[in-house]
Amino acid sequence: MFFIPRIYLVILVLIITACSASGPKYQRPEPSMIREHSEVVILRPSQFAAGATAYCVLIDNQSLGYLSNGGYLKILLTPGIHRISMPDLHTDLKITTENNKISFVLFNVNLNYIAPIQTGSQLLVDSNWSTGLKVLSEKEGLRMVKQLREAELDDDCD
């Protein structure tokens, strides 16, 4: 069994929490704000798995920004079929948006397993991750987004 000094644990926690989204909390738009449009909100709950990593999000191959841990990104779009993609993860999802409606999409990272491997004097870590995008109901999306902060918009993250 290996021992991690407390100072390393404290540093790890500080690094992970420093990489979380820090923008404003989500406010539902007034109906007049999304007239003739639809709003798409991409959510990433705060998790330990890949917590220190922000991922580039594209909408219809246009850069939206970096989705960090505990964050959300939002955009107004014309109603219709749109493709949300995260090129770093080879993950994408096609959604159909409706006029004057909000669509919520959940991005999730799962750590399926992690196993330390002792090789002589070195300790290696084997792990398996999975990621995915999923459309949420408006009720579920509104409930989840209340806990999040706006992530970094960047029109050049691809």
Foldseek 3Di string as FASTA:
>chain_A
DDDDDPVVVVVVVVLLVVQAADAAADDDDDLVVQAQWEKEKEFAEADPFCSNAWFWKDKQNWTWFTHHYQAMTMDIGHFAWIKIDGVVQRAIDIDGTDGSYYKYKYKYKDWPDKDWDDDPPDIDIDTDMDIYIDIDDPVVRVVSRRRGHHHDTDRPPD
